[in-house]
C-alpha atoms as a PDB file:
ATOM      1  CA  MET A   1     -44.745 -55.558 -92.411  1.00  0.00           C
ATOM      2  CA  LYS A   2     -45.745 -51.815 -90.857  1.00  0.00           C
ATOM      3  CA  ASP A   3     -42.557 -50.172 -89.947  1.00  0.00           C
ATOM      4  CA  SER A   4     -42.085 -49.689 -85.793  1.00  0.00           C
ATOM      5  CA  SER A   5     -41.698 -46.214 -84.052  1.00  0.00           C
ATOM      6  CA  VAL A   6     -40.512 -45.509 -80.788  1.00  0.00           C
ATOM      7  CA  TYR A   7     -41.354 -42.315 -79.044  1.00  0.00           C
ATOM      8  CA  LYS A   8     -39.779 -40.769 -76.099  1.00  0.00           C
ATOM      9  CA  VAL A   9     -41.181 -38.802 -73.421  1.00  0.00           C
ATOM     10  CA  ILE A  10     -40.229 -36.302 -71.339  1.00  0.00           C
ATOM     11  CA  GLU A  11     -41.757 -34.144 -68.612  1.00  0.00           C
ATOM     12  CA  VAL A  12     -41.372 -29.943 -68.654  1.00  0.00           C
ATOM     13  CA  ILE A  13     -42.646 -27.045 -66.628  1.00  0.00           C
ATOM     14  CA  GLY A  14     -44.448 -23.769 -67.757  1.00  0.00           C
ATOM     15  CA  THR A  15     -45.070 -21.234 -66.466  1.00  0.00           C
ATOM     16  CA  SER A  16     -47.640 -18.351 -66.942  1.00  0.00           C
ATOM     17  CA  PRO A  17     -48.812 -15.392 -65.319  1.00  0.00           C
ATOM     18  CA  LYS A  18     -52.689 -15.831 -66.933  1.00  0.00           C
ATOM     19  CA  SER A  19     -52.944 -18.920 -67.390  1.00  0.00           C
ATOM     20  CA  TRP A  20     -52.428 -22.730 -67.613  1.00  0.00           C
ATOM     21  CA  GLU A  21     -53.652 -22.610 -71.488  1.00  0.00           C
ATOM     22  CA  GLU A  22     -50.241 -21.094 -71.818  1.00  0.00           C
ATOM     23  CA  ALA A  23     -48.161 -22.285 -68.885  1.00  0.00           C
ATOM     24  CA  ALA A  24     -48.649 -26.195 -70.734  1.00  0.00           C
ATOM     25  CA  LYS A  25     -48.492 -24.096 -74.774  1.00  0.00           C
ATOM     26  CA  ASN A  26     -45.399 -21.845 -73.203  1.00  0.00           C
ATOM     27  CA  ALA A  27     -43.869 -26.179 -72.096  1.00  0.00           C
ATOM     28  CA  VAL A  28     -44.300 -27.559 -75.766  1.00  0.00           C
ATOM     29  CA  GLU A  29     -42.972 -24.000 -77.465  1.00  0.00           C
ATOM     30  CA  THR A  30     -39.903 -24.319 -76.066  1.00  0.00           C
ATOM     31  CA  ALA A  31     -39.653 -27.825 -75.507  1.00  0.00           C
ATOM     32  CA  ALA A  32     -39.683 -27.722 -79.325  1.00  0.00           C
ATOM     33  CA  LYS A  33     -37.391 -25.386 -80.010  1.00  0.00           C
ATOM     34  CA  SER A  34     -34.917 -28.278 -78.876  1.00  0.00           C
ATOM     35  CA  LEU A  35     -36.090 -31.309 -79.621  1.00  0.00           C
ATOM     36  CA  GLU A  36     -37.773 -32.408 -83.864  1.00  0.00           C
ATOM     37  CA  ASP A  37     -41.174 -34.447 -83.842  1.00  0.00           C
ATOM     38  CA  LEU A  38     -42.747 -34.015 -81.295  1.00  0.00           C
ATOM     39  CA  ARG A  39     -46.183 -36.260 -80.931  1.00  0.00           C
ATOM     40  CA  VAL A  40     -48.734 -36.358 -78.403  1.00  0.00           C
ATOM     41  CA  ALA A  41     -48.698 -33.265 -74.835  1.00  0.00           C
ATOM     42  CA  GLU A  42     -50.427 -34.945 -71.930  1.00  0.00           C
ATOM     43  CA  ILE A  43     -51.506 -32.609 -68.966  1.00  0.00           C
ATOM     44  CA  MET A  44     -50.269 -34.147 -65.993  1.00  0.00           C
ATOM     45  CA  LYS A  45     -50.840 -31.382 -63.400  1.00  0.00           C
ATOM     46  CA  LEU A  46     -51.849 -28.089 -63.008  1.00  0.00           C
ATOM     47  CA  ASP A  47     -50.757 -25.815 -59.830  1.00  0.00           C
ATOM     48  CA  MET A  48     -49.987 -21.869 -58.883  1.00  0.00           C
ATOM     49  CA  ARG A  49     -47.730 -20.374 -57.382  1.00  0.00           C
ATOM     50  CA  ILE A  50     -49.136 -17.265 -54.635  1.00  0.00           C
ATOM     51  CA  ASP A  51     -47.105 -14.586 -53.114  1.00  0.00           C
ATOM     52  CA  ASP A  52     -49.022 -12.407 -50.090  1.00  0.00           C
ATOM     53  CA  ASN A  53     -52.230 -14.484 -50.461  1.00  0.00           C
ATOM     54  CA  LYS A  54     -52.463 -14.145 -54.299  1.00  0.00           C
ATOM     55  CA  VAL A  55     -51.606 -15.450 -57.323  1.00  0.00           C
ATOM     56  CA  VAL A  56     -48.512 -14.070 -58.830  1.00  0.00           C
ATOM     57  CA  ALA A  57     -48.573 -18.268 -61.122  1.00  0.00           C
ATOM     58  CA  TYR A  58     -49.924 -20.704 -62.685  1.00  0.00           C
ATOM     59  CA  ARG A  59     -47.910 -23.683 -63.506  1.00  0.00           C
ATOM     60  CA  ALA A  60     -48.726 -27.128 -65.999  1.00  0.00           C
ATOM     61  CA  ARG A  61     -46.471 -29.651 -65.674  1.00  0.00           C
ATOM     62  CA  VAL A  62     -46.483 -31.757 -69.132  1.00  0.00           C
ATOM     63  CA  GLN A  63     -45.233 -35.375 -70.990  1.00  0.00           C
ATOM     64  CA  ILE A  64     -44.388 -34.220 -73.869  1.00  0.00           C
ATOM     65  CA  SER A  65     -43.819 -36.909 -76.770  1.00  0.00           C
ATOM     66  CA  PHE A  66     -40.642 -37.198 -79.683  1.00  0.00           C
ATOM     67  CA  LYS A  67     -39.931 -39.986 -82.118  1.00  0.00           C
ATOM     68  CA  TYR A  68     -36.505 -41.748 -81.511  1.00  0.00           C
ATOM     69  CA  ARG A  69     -33.980 -41.274 -83.670  1.00  0.00           C
ATOM     70  CA  ASP A  70     -31.050 -44.160 -83.204  1.00  0.00           C
ATOM     71  CA  GLU A  71     -28.397 -42.580 -84.817  1.00  0.00           C
END
């Protein structure tokens, strides 16, 4: 029988002054500093912060799954 796996999913928000792509990348790379075995990242929502009628930040809400370890 094949081993089964369990994954946990968390939601994080990354930001960037340049792009949504960079915001999502920042979210994943920051989460990777404290989590192991990241598997899939799914963009849930994109939005922008506006200040004085100008876009000042891009934000990406990202769900990230990682392998759950029962210790």
